[in-house]
N, C-alpha and C. Protein backbone atom coordinates (compact mmCIF):
# COMPACT_ATOMS: atom_id res chain seq x y z
N MET A 1 0.84 -1.03 0.19
CA MET A 1 0.10 0.01 -0.03
C MET A 1 0.82 1.20 0.16
N THR A 2 0.73 2.27 -0.79
CA THR A 2 1.39 3.60 -1.24
C THR A 2 0.56 4.32 0.17
N GLU A 3 1.68 5.56 0.10
CA GLU A 3 0.92 6.05 1.32
C GLU A 3 -0.25 7.17 1.03
N ASN A 4 -0.22 7.53 -0.17
CA ASN A 4 -1.82 7.75 -0.87
C ASN A 4 -2.85 6.95 -0.94
N ASP A 5 -2.57 5.60 -0.89
CA ASP A 5 -3.67 4.70 -0.68
C ASP A 5 -4.28 4.68 0.25
N SER A 6 -4.17 5.72 1.56
CA SER A 6 -4.15 5.70 2.97
C SER A 6 -5.66 6.95 2.84
N VAL A 7 -5.70 7.51 1.69
CA VAL A 7 -6.86 8.60 1.26
C VAL A 7 -7.72 7.87 1.49
N HIS A 8 -8.87 7.95 2.10
CA HIS A 8 -10.33 7.48 1.46
C HIS A 8 -11.49 8.88 1.60
N GLU A 9 -11.64 9.71 0.37
CA GLU A 9 -12.29 10.89 0.43
C GLU A 9 -13.78 10.32 0.91
N ASP A 10 -14.93 11.29 1.11
CA ASP A 10 -16.17 10.78 1.32
C ASP A 10 -16.76 12.29 0.81
N PRO A 11 -16.82 12.20 -0.99
CA PRO A 11 -17.07 13.19 -1.75
C PRO A 11 -18.70 13.56 -1.90
N GLN A 12 -19.78 12.34 -1.09
CA GLN A 12 -20.74 12.50 -1.10
C GLN A 12 -22.02 13.03 0.24
N ARG A 13 -20.23 13.57 1.16
CA ARG A 13 -20.91 13.73 2.56
C ARG A 13 -22.06 14.91 2.70
N GLY A 14 -21.48 16.13 1.97
CA GLY A 14 -22.62 16.75 1.59
C GLY A 14 -23.72 16.83 1.45
N ASP A 15 -24.13 15.81 0.88
CA ASP A 15 -25.41 15.16 0.20
C ASP A 15 -26.03 14.64 1.74
N ARG A 16 -25.18 14.05 2.17
CA ARG A 16 -25.95 13.39 3.09
C ARG A 16 -26.22 14.41 4.43
N THR A 17 -24.92 15.15 4.72
CA THR A 17 -24.86 15.69 6.25
C THR A 17 -25.23 17.51 5.64
N LEU A 18 -25.50 17.68 4.73
CA LEU A 18 -25.25 19.28 4.43
C LEU A 18 -23.87 20.15 4.15
N LEU A 19 -23.37 19.14 4.82
CA LEU A 19 -21.62 19.76 5.06
C LEU A 19 -20.72 18.53 4.49
N PRO A 20 -19.75 18.94 3.47
CA PRO A 20 -19.00 18.54 2.99
C PRO A 20 -17.73 17.71 3.78
N GLU A 21 -17.12 17.40 3.19
CA GLU A 21 -15.93 16.59 4.04
C GLU A 21 -15.04 18.06 3.89
N ALA A 22 -14.32 17.95 5.45
CA ALA A 22 -13.15 19.23 5.40
C ALA A 22 -11.70 18.29 5.95
N VAL A 23 -10.46 18.99 4.99
CA VAL A 23 -9.55 17.86 5.28
C VAL A 23 -8.82 18.62 6.39
N LEU A 24 -8.32 18.18 7.86
CA LEU A 24 -7.67 18.40 8.35
C LEU A 24 -6.67 17.90 8.58
N ALA A 25 -5.05 19.25 8.72
CA ALA A 25 -3.93 19.27 8.10
C ALA A 25 -3.30 18.19 9.09
N VAL A 26 -3.40 18.40 10.32
CA VAL A 26 -2.79 17.64 11.67
C VAL A 26 -2.38 16.20 11.75
N GLY A 27 -1.00 15.75 11.10
CA GLY A 27 -0.84 14.46 11.52
C GLY A 27 -0.71 13.81 10.10
N LYS A 28 -0.66 14.83 8.91
CA LYS A 28 -0.85 14.47 7.31
C LYS A 28 0.93 14.75 7.28
N SER A 29 1.23 13.67 6.41
CA SER A 29 2.17 14.20 5.74
C SER A 29 1.75 15.16 4.01
N ASP A 30 3.03 15.58 3.34
CA ASP A 30 2.64 16.55 2.79
C ASP A 30 1.54 15.93 1.42
N ALA A 31 2.16 14.52 1.13
CA ALA A 31 1.63 13.58 -0.06
C ALA A 31 0.35 13.42 0.33
N ASN A 32 0.01 12.98 1.59
CA ASN A 32 -1.45 12.49 2.00
C ASN A 32 -2.26 13.96 2.06
N LEU A 33 -2.04 14.92 2.45
CA LEU A 33 -2.71 15.90 2.36
C LEU A 33 -2.93 16.74 0.82
N LYS A 34 -1.75 16.34 -0.06
CA LYS A 34 -2.15 16.79 -1.47
C LYS A 34 -3.22 15.74 -1.89
N SER A 35 -3.17 14.47 -1.59
CA SER A 35 -3.77 13.66 -2.18
C SER A 35 -5.31 13.75 -1.58
N ALA A 36 -5.70 14.31 -0.54
CA ALA A 36 -7.14 14.37 0.25
C ALA A 36 -7.36 15.69 -0.47
N VAL A 37 -6.65 16.95 -0.43
CA VAL A 37 -7.31 17.88 -1.35
C VAL A 37 -7.57 17.95 -2.66
N SER A 38 -6.87 16.88 -3.47
CA SER A 38 -6.99 16.87 -5.13
C SER A 38 -7.99 15.64 -5.38
N ARG A 39 -8.48 14.81 -4.43
CA ARG A 39 -9.24 14.11 -4.82
C ARG A 39 -11.01 14.66 -4.40
N LEU A 40 -10.84 15.52 -3.16
CA LEU A 40 -12.29 15.90 -2.91
C LEU A 40 -12.39 17.19 -3.74
N LEU A 41 -11.34 18.10 -4.38
CA LEU A 41 -11.27 18.95 -5.26
C LEU A 41 -11.99 18.69 -7.03
N ALA A 42 -11.95 17.27 -6.99
CA ALA A 42 -12.45 16.83 -8.54
C ALA A 42 -14.15 17.02 -8.24
N HIS A 43 -14.74 17.03 -6.70
CA HIS A 43 -16.21 17.04 -6.76
C HIS A 43 -16.69 18.42 -5.97
N HIS A 44 -15.94 18.88 -5.41
CA HIS A 44 -16.34 20.12 -4.75
C HIS A 44 -15.20 21.04 -4.32
N PRO A 45 -15.32 22.41 -4.07
CA PRO A 45 -14.37 23.39 -3.64
C PRO A 45 -13.85 22.44 -2.00
N VAL A 46 -12.78 23.15 -1.40
CA VAL A 46 -12.20 22.43 -0.31
C VAL A 46 -11.97 23.51 0.72
N ILE A 47 -11.94 22.88 1.88
CA ILE A 47 -11.57 23.68 2.87
C ILE A 47 -11.03 22.96 3.83
N ILE A 48 -9.40 23.44 3.97
CA ILE A 48 -8.74 22.90 5.04
C ILE A 48 -8.03 23.64 6.10
N THR A 49 -8.33 22.86 7.66
CA THR A 49 -8.42 23.54 8.83
C THR A 49 -6.99 22.62 9.55
N LYS A 50 -6.51 23.85 10.82
CA LYS A 50 -5.11 23.16 11.54
C LYS A 50 -4.18 22.99 10.61
N LEU A 51 -3.73 24.10 9.76
CA LEU A 51 -2.63 24.08 8.51
C LEU A 51 -1.48 24.79 9.58
N THR A 52 -0.16 24.49 9.08
CA THR A 52 0.91 24.95 9.72
C THR A 52 1.62 25.75 8.28
N ASP A 53 2.21 26.67 8.62
CA ASP A 53 2.81 27.48 7.37
C ASP A 53 3.47 26.48 6.57
N ALA A 54 4.64 25.81 6.65
CA ALA A 54 4.81 24.88 5.91
C ALA A 54 3.63 24.39 5.26
N HIS A 55 2.74 23.49 5.54
CA HIS A 55 2.08 23.15 5.04
C HIS A 55 0.96 23.97 4.18
N ALA A 56 1.05 25.44 4.37
CA ALA A 56 0.09 25.98 3.68
C ALA A 56 1.62 26.67 2.03
N GLU A 57 2.34 26.33 2.59
CA GLU A 57 3.59 27.14 1.19
C GLU A 57 3.36 25.67 0.01
N PHE A 58 3.36 24.64 0.85
CA PHE A 58 3.34 23.47 0.00
C PHE A 58 2.25 23.22 -0.65
N LEU A 59 1.25 23.84 0.03
CA LEU A 59 -0.29 23.98 -0.96
C LEU A 59 -0.26 24.92 -2.14
N LYS A 60 0.09 25.81 -1.68
CA LYS A 60 0.16 27.36 -2.60
C LYS A 60 0.75 26.64 -4.06
N ALA A 61 2.06 25.64 -3.47
CA ALA A 61 2.76 25.62 -4.90
C ALA A 61 2.04 24.83 -5.93
N HIS A 62 0.84 23.88 -5.41
CA HIS A 62 -0.06 22.89 -6.13
C HIS A 62 -1.08 23.57 -6.64
N PHE A 63 -1.61 24.51 -5.84
CA PHE A 63 -2.86 24.86 -6.09
C PHE A 63 -2.99 26.17 -6.34
N MET A 64 -3.39 26.62 -7.40
CA MET A 64 -3.32 27.89 -7.59
C MET A 64 -4.66 29.03 -7.13
N LYS A 65 -5.57 28.33 -7.08
CA LYS A 65 -7.01 28.73 -6.37
C LYS A 65 -6.97 28.70 -4.94
N MET A 66 -6.28 28.92 -4.26
CA MET A 66 -6.18 28.95 -2.67
C MET A 66 -6.45 30.02 -1.47
N VAL A 67 -6.98 30.04 -0.93
CA VAL A 67 -7.46 31.63 -0.16
C VAL A 67 -6.86 30.89 0.97
N HIS A 68 -5.83 31.34 1.48
CA HIS A 68 -4.89 31.04 3.09
C HIS A 68 -5.28 32.16 3.96
N ASN A 69 -5.43 31.62 5.14
CA ASN A 69 -5.90 32.66 6.19
C ASN A 69 -4.73 32.27 7.35
N PRO A 70 -3.59 32.85 7.52
CA PRO A 70 -2.52 32.72 7.91
C PRO A 70 -3.01 32.59 9.85
N GLN A 71 -4.09 33.26 10.37
CA GLN A 71 -4.25 33.66 11.49
C GLN A 71 -5.04 32.45 12.19
N GLY A 72 -5.97 31.81 10.88
CA GLY A 72 -7.30 31.29 11.38
C GLY A 72 -6.49 29.57 11.43
N ARG A 73 -5.81 29.41 10.43
CA ARG A 73 -4.66 28.18 10.05
C ARG A 73 -5.52 27.54 9.22
N THR A 74 -6.15 28.10 8.10
CA THR A 74 -7.52 27.72 7.31
C THR A 74 -6.79 28.08 5.88
N ALA A 75 -7.59 27.54 4.71
CA ALA A 75 -6.97 27.68 3.62
C ALA A 75 -8.23 26.89 2.48
N ILE A 76 -8.76 27.78 1.69
CA ILE A 76 -9.82 27.34 0.81
C ILE A 76 -9.62 27.06 -0.68
N VAL A 77 -9.75 25.86 -0.92
CA VAL A 77 -9.17 25.85 -2.19
C VAL A 77 -10.56 25.43 -3.31
N GLY A 78 -10.30 26.43 -4.58
CA GLY A 78 -11.53 26.10 -5.80
C GLY A 78 -13.09 26.85 -5.19
N GLY A 79 -13.23 28.02 -4.21
CA GLY A 79 -14.20 28.81 -4.09
C GLY A 79 -14.65 28.19 -2.80
N GLN A 80 -16.09 28.42 -2.59
CA GLN A 80 -17.25 28.63 -1.85
C GLN A 80 -17.90 27.01 -1.79
N TRP A 81 -18.55 26.55 -1.08
CA TRP A 81 -18.95 25.58 -1.02
C TRP A 81 -20.87 25.81 -1.19
N ASP A 82 -21.11 27.13 -0.68
CA ASP A 82 -22.46 27.47 -0.75
C ASP A 82 -22.33 29.21 -1.10
N LYS A 83 -23.51 29.75 -1.33
CA LYS A 83 -23.66 31.27 -1.36
C LYS A 83 -24.82 31.82 -0.59
N GLY A 84 -24.61 33.15 -0.40
CA GLY A 84 -25.99 34.03 0.16
C GLY A 84 -26.87 33.09 1.25
N VAL A 85 -26.39 32.88 2.36
CA VAL A 85 -26.98 31.90 3.40
C VAL A 85 -27.22 32.53 4.47
N GLY A 86 -26.77 33.46 4.76
CA GLY A 86 -27.08 34.61 5.83
C GLY A 86 -25.78 35.06 6.40
N LYS A 87 -25.77 36.08 8.00
CA LYS A 87 -25.08 36.16 8.57
C LYS A 87 -24.98 36.07 10.03
N CYS A 88 -23.89 35.85 10.28
CA CYS A 88 -22.87 35.35 11.75
C CYS A 88 -22.40 36.24 12.17
N ALA A 89 -22.68 36.65 13.60
CA ALA A 89 -21.76 37.50 14.60
C ALA A 89 -20.54 36.75 14.73
N VAL A 90 -19.34 37.22 15.05
CA VAL A 90 -18.48 36.70 15.68
C VAL A 90 -17.77 37.35 16.65
N VAL A 91 -17.89 36.26 17.94
CA VAL A 91 -17.60 37.98 18.82
C VAL A 91 -16.55 37.27 19.88
N THR A 92 -15.74 37.74 19.93
CA THR A 92 -14.48 37.14 21.00
C THR A 92 -14.24 38.03 22.23
N ALA A 93 -14.06 37.57 23.03
CA ALA A 93 -13.95 37.98 24.77
C ALA A 93 -12.82 39.10 24.44
N GLY A 94 -11.34 38.31 24.08
CA GLY A 94 -9.90 38.98 23.76
C GLY A 94 -9.11 38.63 22.26
N THR A 95 -8.25 39.27 22.30
CA THR A 95 -7.68 39.97 20.98
C THR A 95 -6.59 38.02 20.73
N SER A 96 -6.66 37.35 22.11
CA SER A 96 -5.70 36.08 22.25
C SER A 96 -6.70 35.33 21.51
N ASP A 97 -7.97 35.55 21.72
CA ASP A 97 -9.52 34.36 21.13
C ASP A 97 -9.31 34.61 19.45
N VAL A 98 -8.78 35.87 18.66
CA VAL A 98 -9.03 35.42 17.75
C VAL A 98 -8.51 34.46 16.48
N PRO A 99 -7.56 33.83 16.90
CA PRO A 99 -6.98 32.49 15.76
C PRO A 99 -8.49 31.45 16.01
N THR A 100 -9.32 31.22 16.92
CA THR A 100 -9.97 30.45 16.73
C THR A 100 -11.26 31.24 16.04
N ALA A 101 -11.42 32.51 16.24
CA ALA A 101 -12.29 33.35 15.59
C ALA A 101 -12.05 33.43 14.05
N GLU A 102 -10.83 33.14 13.64
CA GLU A 102 -10.43 33.45 12.40
C GLU A 102 -10.64 32.29 11.67
N GLU A 103 -10.68 30.97 12.11
CA GLU A 103 -11.14 29.83 11.94
C GLU A 103 -12.64 29.39 11.54
N ALA A 104 -13.31 30.56 12.51
CA ALA A 104 -15.39 30.21 12.53
C ALA A 104 -14.94 31.28 11.64
N SER A 105 -14.41 31.92 11.06
CA SER A 105 -14.98 33.21 10.13
C SER A 105 -14.70 32.43 8.36
N SER A 106 -13.36 32.19 8.40
CA SER A 106 -13.10 31.21 7.32
C SER A 106 -14.14 30.17 6.60
N THR A 107 -14.42 29.38 7.80
CA THR A 107 -15.36 28.45 7.60
C THR A 107 -16.70 29.12 7.51
N LEU A 108 -17.35 30.04 7.90
CA LEU A 108 -18.10 30.40 7.58
C LEU A 108 -18.42 31.19 6.12
N GLU A 109 -17.13 31.72 5.83
CA GLU A 109 -17.08 32.34 4.55
C GLU A 109 -17.41 31.46 3.28
N TYR A 110 -16.42 30.51 4.12
CA TYR A 110 -16.78 29.06 2.89
C TYR A 110 -17.78 28.56 2.44
N LEU A 111 -19.21 28.36 3.59
CA LEU A 111 -20.04 27.69 3.73
C LEU A 111 -21.50 29.07 3.55
N GLY A 112 -20.74 30.06 2.88
CA GLY A 112 -21.60 30.94 2.22
C GLY A 112 -22.30 32.28 3.35
N ILE A 113 -21.81 31.95 4.57
CA ILE A 113 -21.92 32.89 5.49
C ILE A 113 -21.12 34.12 5.91
N GLU A 114 -22.24 35.42 5.86
CA GLU A 114 -21.32 36.38 6.02
C GLU A 114 -21.10 36.64 7.64
N PRO A 115 -19.56 36.55 8.10
CA PRO A 115 -19.09 37.10 9.35
C PRO A 115 -19.28 38.46 9.51
N ILE A 116 -19.54 39.00 10.94
CA ILE A 116 -19.84 40.28 11.32
C ILE A 116 -18.45 39.80 12.53
N LYS A 117 -17.81 40.66 12.40
CA LYS A 117 -16.40 40.23 13.67
C LYS A 117 -16.55 41.69 14.24
N PHE A 118 -16.76 40.87 15.68
CA PHE A 118 -16.52 41.73 17.01
C PHE A 118 -15.67 41.02 18.09
N TYR A 119 -14.50 41.65 18.00
CA TYR A 119 -13.23 41.03 18.56
C TYR A 119 -12.74 41.97 19.55
N ASP A 120 -12.70 41.15 20.70
CA ASP A 120 -12.32 42.55 22.39
C ASP A 120 -13.69 42.70 22.50
N ARG A 121 -14.43 42.08 23.42
CA ARG A 121 -15.32 42.45 23.80
C ARG A 121 -15.81 41.76 24.50
N GLY A 122 -14.59 41.16 26.25
CA GLY A 122 -14.95 40.49 27.08
C GLY A 122 -15.68 41.52 27.82
N VAL A 123 -15.48 40.52 29.49
CA VAL A 123 -16.30 40.70 30.66
C VAL A 123 -15.23 42.11 31.13
N ALA A 124 -14.26 41.94 31.06
CA ALA A 124 -13.47 42.67 32.00
C ALA A 124 -13.63 44.27 31.50
N GLY A 125 -14.26 44.54 30.52
CA GLY A 125 -14.82 45.52 30.42
C GLY A 125 -16.55 45.76 29.71
N MET A 126 -17.54 45.12 30.39
CA MET A 126 -18.78 45.17 30.20
C MET A 126 -19.12 45.95 29.15
N HIS A 127 -18.63 47.13 28.78
CA HIS A 127 -19.13 48.27 27.92
C HIS A 127 -18.98 47.96 26.79
N ARG A 128 -17.84 47.03 26.56
CA ARG A 128 -17.67 46.76 25.09
C ARG A 128 -18.26 45.53 24.55
N SER A 129 -19.41 44.74 24.91
CA SER A 129 -20.36 43.97 24.40
C SER A 129 -21.45 44.84 23.96
N LYS A 130 -21.99 46.14 24.19
CA LYS A 130 -22.87 46.39 24.23
C LYS A 130 -23.28 46.97 22.73
N ALA A 131 -22.32 47.33 21.70
CA ALA A 131 -22.61 47.21 20.12
C ALA A 131 -22.99 45.66 19.66
N VAL A 132 -22.27 44.87 20.40
CA VAL A 132 -22.64 43.16 20.05
C VAL A 132 -23.67 43.25 19.85
N VAL A 133 -24.70 43.37 21.07
CA VAL A 133 -25.74 43.06 21.84
C VAL A 133 -26.97 43.83 20.95
N GLU A 134 -26.65 45.32 20.55
CA GLU A 134 -27.26 46.00 20.18
C GLU A 134 -27.66 45.75 18.45
N THR A 135 -26.61 45.29 17.55
CA THR A 135 -26.48 44.79 16.50
C THR A 135 -27.06 43.37 16.77
N LEU A 136 -27.18 42.56 17.33
CA LEU A 136 -28.02 41.48 17.36
C LEU A 136 -29.60 41.70 17.75
N ASN A 137 -30.05 42.65 18.12
CA ASN A 137 -31.34 42.73 18.49
C ASN A 137 -31.52 43.70 17.42
N LYS A 138 -31.24 44.51 17.02
CA LYS A 138 -31.52 44.84 15.44
C LYS A 138 -31.93 43.82 14.23
N GLU A 139 -31.22 42.81 14.43
CA GLU A 139 -30.84 41.61 13.40
C GLU A 139 -31.52 40.33 14.38
N PRO A 140 -32.50 40.02 14.35
CA PRO A 140 -32.99 38.72 14.79
C PRO A 140 -32.33 37.29 14.08
N GLY A 141 -32.26 37.60 12.89
CA GLY A 141 -31.77 36.35 11.99
C GLY A 141 -30.55 36.38 11.92
N MET A 142 -29.82 36.70 12.37
CA MET A 142 -27.93 36.87 12.49
C MET A 142 -28.02 35.78 13.49
N ALA A 143 -27.06 34.90 13.01
CA ALA A 143 -26.79 33.90 14.39
C ALA A 143 -25.54 34.26 14.51
N VAL A 144 -25.01 34.08 15.73
CA VAL A 144 -23.93 34.40 16.73
C VAL A 144 -23.08 33.12 17.09
N ILE A 145 -21.76 33.24 17.28
CA ILE A 145 -20.86 32.55 18.23
C ILE A 145 -20.06 33.31 18.96
N VAL A 146 -20.24 33.11 19.98
CA VAL A 146 -19.32 33.98 20.78
C VAL A 146 -17.84 32.46 21.44
N ILE A 147 -17.01 33.79 21.38
CA ILE A 147 -15.35 32.70 21.88
C ILE A 147 -14.86 33.40 22.59
N ALA A 148 -14.07 32.23 24.22
CA ALA A 148 -13.87 33.33 25.30
C ALA A 148 -12.98 32.13 25.89
N GLY A 149 -12.12 31.88 26.20
CA GLY A 149 -11.00 31.83 26.77
C GLY A 149 -11.17 32.01 28.59
N MET A 150 -10.39 31.91 29.15
CA MET A 150 -10.06 32.62 30.94
C MET A 150 -10.95 31.74 31.75
N GLU A 151 -12.38 32.13 32.23
CA GLU A 151 -13.71 31.72 32.85
C GLU A 151 -14.47 31.70 31.76
N GLY A 152 -14.50 31.76 30.76
CA GLY A 152 -15.54 31.90 29.65
C GLY A 152 -17.05 32.01 29.92
N ALA A 153 -16.61 33.66 30.28
CA ALA A 153 -18.16 34.02 31.00
C ALA A 153 -18.85 34.86 29.94
N LEU A 154 -18.19 34.94 28.60
CA LEU A 154 -18.81 35.92 27.79
C LEU A 154 -20.20 35.69 26.95
N PRO A 155 -20.20 34.05 26.67
CA PRO A 155 -21.49 33.46 26.16
C PRO A 155 -22.43 33.79 26.87
N SER A 156 -22.33 33.86 28.59
CA SER A 156 -23.64 33.93 29.34
C SER A 156 -24.20 35.37 29.08
N VAL A 157 -23.06 36.35 29.41
CA VAL A 157 -23.26 37.77 28.90
C VAL A 157 -24.28 37.62 27.85
N ILE A 158 -23.52 37.39 26.38
CA ILE A 158 -24.25 37.75 25.53
C ILE A 158 -25.70 36.89 25.08
N ALA A 159 -25.69 36.11 25.80
CA ALA A 159 -27.04 35.35 25.50
C ALA A 159 -27.95 35.58 26.81
N SER A 160 -27.79 36.20 27.31
CA SER A 160 -28.51 36.82 28.55
C SER A 160 -29.54 37.89 27.65
N GLN A 161 -29.07 38.58 26.91
CA GLN A 161 -29.58 39.81 26.63
C GLN A 161 -30.02 39.61 25.08
N VAL A 162 -29.99 38.44 24.37
CA VAL A 162 -30.30 38.27 22.76
C VAL A 162 -31.48 37.56 22.74
N SER A 163 -32.13 37.34 21.58
CA SER A 163 -32.88 36.37 21.30
C SER A 163 -32.10 34.76 20.67
N GLN A 164 -31.41 35.62 19.59
CA GLN A 164 -30.82 34.13 19.46
C GLN A 164 -30.23 33.20 20.32
N PRO A 165 -30.21 31.73 19.45
CA PRO A 165 -29.44 30.82 20.35
C PRO A 165 -27.72 30.92 20.11
N VAL A 166 -26.72 30.64 20.90
CA VAL A 166 -25.67 31.01 21.16
C VAL A 166 -25.09 30.17 21.13
N ILE A 167 -23.61 29.61 20.05
CA ILE A 167 -22.75 28.79 20.05
C ILE A 167 -21.39 29.43 20.50
N ALA A 168 -21.19 28.56 21.54
CA ALA A 168 -20.12 29.08 22.41
C ALA A 168 -18.74 28.29 22.07
N VAL A 169 -17.61 29.29 22.18
CA VAL A 169 -16.71 28.02 22.05
C VAL A 169 -15.28 28.66 22.87
N PRO A 170 -15.00 27.56 23.27
CA PRO A 170 -14.05 28.06 24.91
C PRO A 170 -12.76 27.77 24.05
N THR A 171 -12.05 28.48 24.40
CA THR A 171 -10.51 28.36 23.98
C THR A 171 -9.60 27.98 25.03
N SER A 172 -8.14 28.25 24.56
CA SER A 172 -7.23 27.53 25.74
C SER A 172 -6.19 28.79 26.24
N VAL A 173 -6.74 29.87 26.00
CA VAL A 173 -6.17 30.93 26.48
C VAL A 173 -6.86 30.92 27.91
N GLY A 174 -5.69 31.23 28.45
CA GLY A 174 -5.91 31.46 30.34
C GLY A 174 -4.54 30.60 30.92
N TYR A 175 -4.33 31.37 32.17
CA TYR A 175 -3.58 31.04 32.97
C TYR A 175 -3.41 29.92 33.53
N GLY A 176 -2.71 29.67 34.68
CA GLY A 176 -2.87 27.67 34.62
C GLY A 176 -3.90 27.02 35.20
N SER A 177 -4.94 27.66 36.25
CA SER A 177 -5.94 27.38 36.42
C SER A 177 -6.99 27.29 35.45
N ASN A 178 -6.82 27.60 34.34
CA ASN A 178 -7.24 27.63 33.33
C ASN A 178 -7.61 26.18 32.12
N TYR A 179 -6.30 25.71 32.73
CA TYR A 179 -6.17 23.89 32.39
C TYR A 179 -6.36 24.16 30.97
N GLU A 180 -5.64 24.72 29.86
CA GLU A 180 -5.85 24.75 29.03
C GLU A 180 -7.31 24.72 27.97
N GLY A 181 -8.10 25.70 28.68
CA GLY A 181 -9.61 25.71 28.01
C GLY A 181 -10.59 24.70 28.68
N LEU A 182 -10.05 23.99 29.45
CA LEU A 182 -11.07 23.07 30.49
C LEU A 182 -11.47 23.85 31.21
N ALA A 183 -11.54 25.29 32.17
CA ALA A 183 -12.60 26.06 33.04
C ALA A 183 -13.32 26.84 32.02
N ALA A 184 -12.48 27.32 30.98
CA ALA A 184 -13.75 27.85 29.93
C ALA A 184 -14.93 27.11 29.54
N LEU A 185 -14.67 25.58 29.06
CA LEU A 185 -15.35 24.88 28.81
C LEU A 185 -16.62 24.13 30.07
N LEU A 186 -15.97 24.28 30.84
CA LEU A 186 -16.81 24.06 32.27
C LEU A 186 -17.82 24.86 32.71
N GLY A 187 -17.08 26.26 32.96
CA GLY A 187 -18.22 27.46 32.61
C GLY A 187 -19.36 27.23 31.72
N MET A 188 -18.89 27.72 30.43
CA MET A 188 -19.94 27.61 29.12
C MET A 188 -20.86 26.61 29.32
N LEU A 189 -20.60 25.03 29.60
CA LEU A 189 -21.44 24.16 30.15
C LEU A 189 -22.45 24.51 31.30
N ASN A 190 -22.28 25.04 32.20
CA ASN A 190 -22.56 25.04 33.45
C ASN A 190 -23.53 26.66 33.55
N SER A 191 -23.82 27.26 32.51
CA SER A 191 -24.21 28.35 31.75
C SER A 191 -25.42 28.58 32.86
N CYS A 192 -26.18 29.11 33.82
CA CYS A 192 -27.47 29.19 33.81
C CYS A 192 -28.38 30.01 33.12
N VAL A 193 -27.63 30.53 31.91
CA VAL A 193 -28.55 30.88 30.83
C VAL A 193 -29.06 30.18 29.92
N PRO A 194 -30.25 29.86 29.41
CA PRO A 194 -30.90 28.45 28.39
C PRO A 194 -30.25 29.15 27.17
N GLY A 195 -30.20 28.20 26.21
CA GLY A 195 -29.93 28.43 24.83
C GLY A 195 -28.42 28.51 24.40
N ILE A 196 -27.87 28.05 25.35
CA ILE A 196 -26.40 27.98 24.85
C ILE A 196 -25.63 26.58 24.26
N SER A 197 -25.37 26.67 23.11
CA SER A 197 -24.70 25.04 22.87
C SER A 197 -23.11 25.53 22.75
N VAL A 198 -22.64 24.30 23.27
CA VAL A 198 -21.11 24.40 23.75
C VAL A 198 -20.39 23.47 22.64
N VAL A 199 -19.14 24.20 21.35
CA VAL A 199 -18.56 23.41 20.96
C VAL A 199 -17.29 22.99 21.47
N ASN A 200 -16.46 21.86 21.29
CA ASN A 200 -15.33 21.86 21.79
C ASN A 200 -13.80 22.60 21.89
N ILE A 201 -13.12 22.57 23.04
CA ILE A 201 -12.16 23.43 22.89
C ILE A 201 -11.16 23.94 21.70
N ASP A 202 -11.09 25.44 20.97
CA ASP A 202 -10.58 26.17 20.23
C ASP A 202 -11.55 25.32 18.94
N ASN A 203 -12.49 24.87 19.10
CA ASN A 203 -12.97 24.78 17.81
C ASN A 203 -14.51 25.39 16.96
N GLY A 204 -13.24 26.52 16.55
CA GLY A 204 -13.98 27.23 15.04
C GLY A 204 -14.82 26.75 14.27
N PHE A 205 -14.18 25.61 13.32
CA PHE A 205 -14.38 25.16 12.39
C PHE A 205 -15.68 24.60 13.00
N GLY A 206 -16.08 23.78 13.92
CA GLY A 206 -17.45 23.15 14.37
C GLY A 206 -18.09 23.81 14.56
N ALA A 207 -18.07 25.53 15.37
CA ALA A 207 -19.15 26.21 15.82
C ALA A 207 -20.05 26.74 14.22
N ALA A 208 -18.70 27.05 13.28
CA ALA A 208 -19.50 27.57 11.81
C ALA A 208 -20.31 26.35 11.33
N CYS A 209 -20.08 25.25 11.38
CA CYS A 209 -20.87 24.28 10.76
C CYS A 209 -22.17 24.16 11.79
N ALA A 210 -21.87 24.27 12.99
CA ALA A 210 -23.55 24.03 13.69
C ALA A 210 -24.35 25.13 13.12
N VAL A 211 -24.06 26.42 12.85
CA VAL A 211 -24.40 27.71 12.24
C VAL A 211 -24.98 27.49 11.08
N TYR A 212 -24.03 26.47 10.24
CA TYR A 212 -24.67 26.74 9.05
C TYR A 212 -25.72 25.44 8.84
N ARG A 213 -25.80 24.09 9.47
CA ARG A 213 -26.95 23.29 9.57
C ARG A 213 -28.16 24.04 10.03
N ALA A 214 -28.10 24.84 11.06
CA ALA A 214 -29.24 25.42 11.38
C ALA A 214 -29.75 26.19 10.50
N MET A 215 -29.05 27.25 10.00
CA MET A 215 -29.60 28.14 8.66
C MET A 215 -30.10 27.31 7.26
N LYS A 216 -29.71 26.46 6.98
CA LYS A 216 -30.19 25.47 5.88
C LYS A 216 -31.16 24.49 6.34
N THR A 217 -31.27 24.34 7.48
CA THR A 217 -32.59 23.78 7.96
C THR A 217 -33.40 24.13 8.14
N TYR A 218 -33.63 25.35 8.77
CA TYR A 218 -34.56 25.78 9.24
C TYR A 218 -35.14 27.36 8.50
N ARG A 219 -34.48 27.49 7.15
CA ARG A 219 -34.75 28.41 6.53
C ARG A 219 -35.46 28.46 5.37
């Protein structure tokens, strides 16, 4: 078996689940990464997540139509999966959470959802979230992803003031007792504000996919 024989793409996944197969770069050799992207690209545009800079340079040499987001560690090859689906606010507690937010934003763009970015709106300065709440209340059809590390309080603050369901993303940002995002994750899971859904630590991709599924299913 050659290295490329270990790649078994799933081009029909989007027909079954609304969401196409993405390529996770972590742990893949250059050959496997190129093979996975090439095989899926024969069927639909492709998003790659958790790229290293070395991965990105390698892919740029082989795929001309590639949009790389170095901060979000994503790349999109071949265009968008969908278009004109809707809008989603992407809110971070701090600037250290921006890489996860950029992963979410890139995924939203790939899925045809316009990201409206509100960065550095954390609870250390409560007034900073006012514009977020005002925007969401004016546009109740806009989805919202809230990303926070530390104690993970911002999703509760936002969710207590808006009508939208909140997709919360804990990040691994924080000091020792943050335990690489576990404290934020547990804080979000234990929120007393109803209507918050929580994805895994640093999973901006998964949050964007949850928004897309909700928008496509119920609109």
